[in-house]
Amino acid sequence: MPEKVPSNVKKQVEERAKGCCEYCMAQVRYSQDYFSVEHIIPLVGGGTHSMDNLAFSCQACNSHKYISTEAIDSISGEMVPLFNPRNDSWKAHFRWDENFTNIIGVTSIGRATVLKLKLNLEGLVNLREVLRTAKKHPPLQSI
């Protein structure tokens, strides 16, 4: 069994992400689910515990991504890399809809990631709407 990510490294990853899932921008302080330190390149695919291979991820994104590093772009039909929070800019691949409740992929990477990780699950969209009303959404790093 592979060794676990040390707790001090987990804390550094969460702080770097400013308490948000680096994929769907869910905020840990408003989530009923736990968040994980996710391996962008999975250990089984040669990934490591290094900071440049770790992302802060909500349970939904972590579960949907699992060990995937690629997915199909809905427009081209081609297999493309998933969004990599260490190498890619969130704002370059995604934007919010006019209500700030749905994430729209604006590149092949963004579109494939939205679909593969199911970034617009109904419960998450509903939570975004409530948080937006309370002026707690979207997180600043996503706008």
C-alpha atoms as a PDB file:
ATOM      1  CA  MET A   1       0.000   0.000   0.000  1.00  0.00           C
ATOM      2  CA  PRO A   2       1.429   3.413  -0.945  1.00  0.00           C
ATOM      3  CA  GLU A   3       2.369   5.810   1.811  1.00  0.00           C
ATOM      4  CA  LYS A   4      -0.076   8.576   2.654  1.00  0.00           C
ATOM      5  CA  VAL A   5       0.427  12.261   2.025  1.00  0.00           C
ATOM      6  CA  PRO A   6       1.787  13.754   5.279  1.00  0.00           C
ATOM      7  CA  SER A   7      -0.662  15.947   7.201  1.00  0.00           C
ATOM      8  CA  ASN A   8       1.574  19.032   6.976  1.00  0.00           C
ATOM      9  CA  VAL A   9       1.628  18.671   3.174  1.00  0.00           C
ATOM     10  CA  LYS A  10      -2.175  18.298   3.120  1.00  0.00           C
ATOM     11  CA  LYS A  11      -2.465  21.565   5.035  1.00  0.00           C
ATOM     12  CA  GLN A  12      -0.136  23.327   2.581  1.00  0.00           C
ATOM     13  CA  VAL A  13      -2.208  22.067  -0.374  1.00  0.00           C
ATOM     14  CA  GLU A  14      -5.444  23.346   1.235  1.00  0.00           C
ATOM     15  CA  GLU A  15      -3.892  26.739   1.980  1.00  0.00           C
ATOM     16  CA  ARG A  16      -2.537  27.053  -1.564  1.00  0.00           C
ATOM     17  CA  ALA A  17      -6.086  26.365  -2.871  1.00  0.00           C
ATOM     18  CA  LYS A  18      -7.534  28.958  -0.483  1.00  0.00           C
ATOM     19  CA  GLY A  19      -9.990  26.361   0.851  1.00  0.00           C
ATOM     20  CA  CYS A  20     -11.617  25.692  -2.538  1.00  0.00           C
ATOM     21  CA  CYS A  21     -11.781  22.608  -4.685  1.00  0.00           C
ATOM     22  CA  GLU A  22      -9.343  23.367  -7.462  1.00  0.00           C
ATOM     23  CA  TYR A  23     -11.728  21.874 -10.030  1.00  0.00           C
ATOM     24  CA  CYS A  24     -15.313  22.978  -9.196  1.00  0.00           C
ATOM     25  CA  MET A  25     -14.446  25.838  -6.800  1.00  0.00           C
ATOM     26  CA  ALA A  26     -16.604  24.360  -3.996  1.00  0.00           C
ATOM     27  CA  GLN A  27     -15.640  25.947  -0.712  1.00  0.00           C
ATOM     28  CA  VAL A  28     -14.643  23.579   2.080  1.00  0.00           C
ATOM     29  CA  ARG A  29     -16.253  25.769   4.750  1.00  0.00           C
ATOM     30  CA  TYR A  30     -19.706  25.339   3.157  1.00  0.00           C
ATOM     31  CA  SER A  31     -19.440  21.682   2.240  1.00  0.00           C
ATOM     32  CA  GLN A  32     -20.954  18.763   4.089  1.00  0.00           C
ATOM     33  CA  ASP A  33     -18.525  16.399   2.332  1.00  0.00           C
ATOM     34  CA  TYR A  34     -14.875  16.058   3.128  1.00  0.00           C
ATOM     35  CA  PHE A  35     -12.134  17.285   0.837  1.00  0.00           C
ATOM     36  CA  SER A  36      -9.050  15.340  -0.195  1.00  0.00           C
ATOM     37  CA  VAL A  37      -5.580  15.940  -1.419  1.00  0.00           C
ATOM     38  CA  GLU A  38      -5.825  14.494  -4.905  1.00  0.00           C
ATOM     39  CA  HIS A  39      -2.978  13.218  -7.064  1.00  0.00           C
ATOM     40  CA  ILE A  40      -3.262  14.953 -10.441  1.00  0.00           C
ATOM     41  CA  ILE A  41      -1.203  12.173 -12.007  1.00  0.00           C
ATOM     42  CA  PRO A  42      -2.304   9.137  -9.979  1.00  0.00           C
ATOM     43  CA  LEU A  43       0.290   7.105  -8.111  1.00  0.00           C
ATOM     44  CA  VAL A  44      -0.594   4.103 -10.297  1.00  0.00           C
ATOM     45  CA  GLY A  45       0.261   6.236 -13.333  1.00  0.00           C
ATOM     46  CA  GLY A  46       3.656   7.275 -12.004  1.00  0.00           C
ATOM     47  CA  GLY A  47       2.541  10.314  -9.998  1.00  0.00           C
ATOM     48  CA  THR A  48       4.202  11.314  -6.758  1.00  0.00           C
ATOM     49  CA  HIS A  49       3.372  13.037  -3.483  1.00  0.00           C
ATOM     50  CA  SER A  50       5.219  16.180  -4.616  1.00  0.00           C
ATOM     51  CA  MET A  51       3.421  19.505  -4.229  1.00  0.00           C
ATOM     52  CA  ASP A  52       3.334  19.978  -8.010  1.00  0.00           C
ATOM     53  CA  ASN A  53       1.252  16.789  -8.352  1.00  0.00           C
ATOM     54  CA  LEU A  54      -1.250  17.512  -5.581  1.00  0.00           C
ATOM     55  CA  ALA A  55      -4.561  19.366  -5.740  1.00  0.00           C
ATOM     56  CA  PHE A  56      -7.222  20.175  -3.156  1.00  0.00           C
ATOM     57  CA  SER A  57     -10.388  18.419  -4.281  1.00  0.00           C
ATOM     58  CA  CYS A  58     -13.936  17.963  -3.043  1.00  0.00           C
ATOM     59  CA  GLN A  59     -15.191  14.411  -2.720  1.00  0.00           C
ATOM     60  CA  ALA A  60     -17.343  14.623  -5.867  1.00  0.00           C
ATOM     61  CA  CYS A  61     -14.520  15.826  -8.125  1.00  0.00           C
ATOM     62  CA  ASN A  62     -12.055  13.379  -6.601  1.00  0.00           C
ATOM     63  CA  SER A  63     -14.467  10.468  -7.100  1.00  0.00           C
ATOM     64  CA  HIS A  64     -15.378  11.374 -10.674  1.00  0.00           C
ATOM     65  CA  LYS A  65     -11.766  11.958 -11.669  1.00  0.00           C
ATOM     66  CA  TYR A  66     -10.488   8.843  -9.857  1.00  0.00           C
ATOM     67  CA  ILE A  67      -7.347   7.867 -11.810  1.00  0.00           C
ATOM     68  CA  SER A  68      -8.241   9.635 -15.055  1.00  0.00           C
ATOM     69  CA  THR A  69      -5.928  12.142 -16.668  1.00  0.00           C
ATOM     70  CA  GLU A  70      -7.862  12.494 -19.944  1.00  0.00           C
ATOM     71  CA  ALA A  71     -11.452  12.688 -21.149  1.00  0.00           C
ATOM     72  CA  ILE A  72     -13.378  13.302 -24.348  1.00  0.00           C
ATOM     73  CA  ASP A  73     -14.055  16.848 -25.538  1.00  0.00           C
ATOM     74  CA  SER A  74     -17.771  17.149 -26.317  1.00  0.00           C
ATOM     75  CA  ILE A  75     -17.185  19.259 -29.434  1.00  0.00           C
ATOM     76  CA  SER A  76     -14.217  17.635 -31.185  1.00  0.00           C
ATOM     77  CA  GLY A  77     -14.827  14.131 -29.861  1.00  0.00           C
ATOM     78  CA  GLU A  78     -11.095  13.865 -29.204  1.00  0.00           C
ATOM     79  CA  MET A  79      -9.414  12.605 -26.058  1.00  0.00           C
ATOM     80  CA  VAL A  80      -7.782  15.576 -24.305  1.00  0.00           C
ATOM     81  CA  PRO A  81      -5.995  16.101 -20.992  1.00  0.00           C
ATOM     82  CA  LEU A  82      -8.097  16.981 -17.979  1.00  0.00           C
ATOM     83  CA  PHE A  83      -7.584  20.353 -16.311  1.00  0.00           C
ATOM     84  CA  ASN A  84      -4.366  20.351 -14.287  1.00  0.00           C
ATOM     85  CA  PRO A  85      -4.507  22.905 -11.454  1.00  0.00           C
ATOM     86  CA  ARG A  86      -0.702  23.085 -11.299  1.00  0.00           C
ATOM     87  CA  ASN A  87      -0.138  23.789 -15.000  1.00  0.00           C
ATOM     88  CA  ASP A  88      -3.417  25.320 -16.201  1.00  0.00           C
ATOM     89  CA  SER A  89      -5.216  28.531 -15.315  1.00  0.00           C
ATOM     90  CA  TRP A  90      -8.816  27.984 -14.143  1.00  0.00           C
ATOM     91  CA  LYS A  91      -9.895  31.241 -15.794  1.00  0.00           C
ATOM     92  CA  ALA A  92      -8.349  30.187 -19.122  1.00  0.00           C
ATOM     93  CA  HIS A  93     -10.423  26.986 -19.300  1.00  0.00           C
ATOM     94  CA  PHE A  94     -13.648  27.819 -17.455  1.00  0.00           C
ATOM     95  CA  ARG A  95     -16.078  30.632 -16.869  1.00  0.00           C
ATOM     96  CA  TRP A  96     -19.222  31.016 -14.820  1.00  0.00           C
ATOM     97  CA  ASP A  97     -22.621  31.378 -16.487  1.00  0.00           C
ATOM     98  CA  GLU A  98     -24.465  34.678 -15.983  1.00  0.00           C
ATOM     99  CA  ASN A  99     -25.829  33.501 -12.596  1.00  0.00           C
ATOM    100  CA  PHE A 100     -22.487  32.150 -11.349  1.00  0.00           C
ATOM    101  CA  THR A 101     -24.102  28.754 -10.753  1.00  0.00           C
ATOM    102  CA  ASN A 102     -22.842  26.652 -13.674  1.00  0.00           C
ATOM    103  CA  ILE A 103     -19.265  26.210 -14.829  1.00  0.00           C
ATOM    104  CA  ILE A 104     -18.819  26.415 -18.592  1.00  0.00           C
ATOM    105  CA  GLY A 105     -15.795  24.874 -20.262  1.00  0.00           C
ATOM    106  CA  VAL A 106     -14.412  27.316 -22.816  1.00  0.00           C
ATOM    107  CA  THR A 107     -11.589  25.111 -24.148  1.00  0.00           C
ATOM    108  CA  SER A 108     -11.364  21.436 -25.024  1.00  0.00           C
ATOM    109  CA  ILE A 109      -9.704  20.829 -21.643  1.00  0.00           C
ATOM    110  CA  GLY A 110     -12.432  22.797 -19.866  1.00  0.00           C
ATOM    111  CA  ARG A 111     -15.302  21.041 -21.665  1.00  0.00           C
ATOM    112  CA  ALA A 112     -13.845  17.585 -21.066  1.00  0.00           C
ATOM    113  CA  THR A 113     -13.248  18.360 -17.392  1.00  0.00           C
ATOM    114  CA  VAL A 114     -16.755  19.766 -16.841  1.00  0.00           C
ATOM    115  CA  LEU A 115     -18.277  16.552 -18.199  1.00  0.00           C
ATOM    116  CA  LYS A 116     -15.861  14.017 -16.684  1.00  0.00           C
ATOM    117  CA  LEU A 117     -15.859  15.536 -13.195  1.00  0.00           C
ATOM    118  CA  LYS A 118     -19.564  16.498 -13.367  1.00  0.00           C
ATOM    119  CA  LEU A 119     -18.799  20.036 -12.200  1.00  0.00           C
ATOM    120  CA  ASN A 120     -22.453  21.101 -12.399  1.00  0.00           C
ATOM    121  CA  LEU A 121     -24.200  18.489 -10.266  1.00  0.00           C
ATOM    122  CA  GLU A 122     -27.653  19.652  -9.194  1.00  0.00           C
ATOM    123  CA  GLY A 123     -26.835  19.862  -5.483  1.00  0.00           C
ATOM    124  CA  LEU A 124     -23.693  21.857  -6.151  1.00  0.00           C
ATOM    125  CA  VAL A 125     -25.518  24.248  -8.492  1.00  0.00           C
ATOM    126  CA  ASN A 126     -28.208  24.723  -5.820  1.00  0.00           C
ATOM    127  CA  LEU A 127     -25.562  25.414  -3.173  1.00  0.00           C
ATOM    128  CA  ARG A 128     -23.866  27.943  -5.456  1.00  0.00           C
ATOM    129  CA  GLU A 129     -27.200  29.721  -5.897  1.00  0.00           C
ATOM    130  CA  VAL A 130     -27.766  29.921  -2.134  1.00  0.00           C
ATOM    131  CA  LEU A 131     -24.204  31.076  -1.498  1.00  0.00           C
ATOM    132  CA  ARG A 132     -24.482  33.670  -4.271  1.00  0.00           C
ATOM    133  CA  THR A 133     -27.616  35.078  -2.615  1.00  0.00           C
ATOM    134  CA  ALA A 134     -25.659  35.273   0.657  1.00  0.00           C
ATOM    135  CA  LYS A 135     -22.763  36.972  -1.205  1.00  0.00           C
ATOM    136  CA  LYS A 136     -20.436  34.041  -0.410  1.00  0.00           C
ATOM    137  CA  HIS A 137     -19.983  32.815  -3.998  1.00  0.00           C
ATOM    138  CA  PRO A 138     -18.117  32.755  -6.324  1.00  0.00           C
ATOM    139  CA  PRO A 139     -14.679  32.486  -4.740  1.00  0.00           C
ATOM    140  CA  LEU A 140     -12.505  35.422  -5.749  1.00  0.00           C
ATOM    141  CA  GLN A 141      -9.868  33.276  -7.458  1.00  0.00           C
ATOM    142  CA  SER A 142     -12.481  32.109  -9.999  1.00  0.00           C
ATOM    143  CA  ILE A 143     -13.650  35.533 -11.216  1.00  0.00           C
END
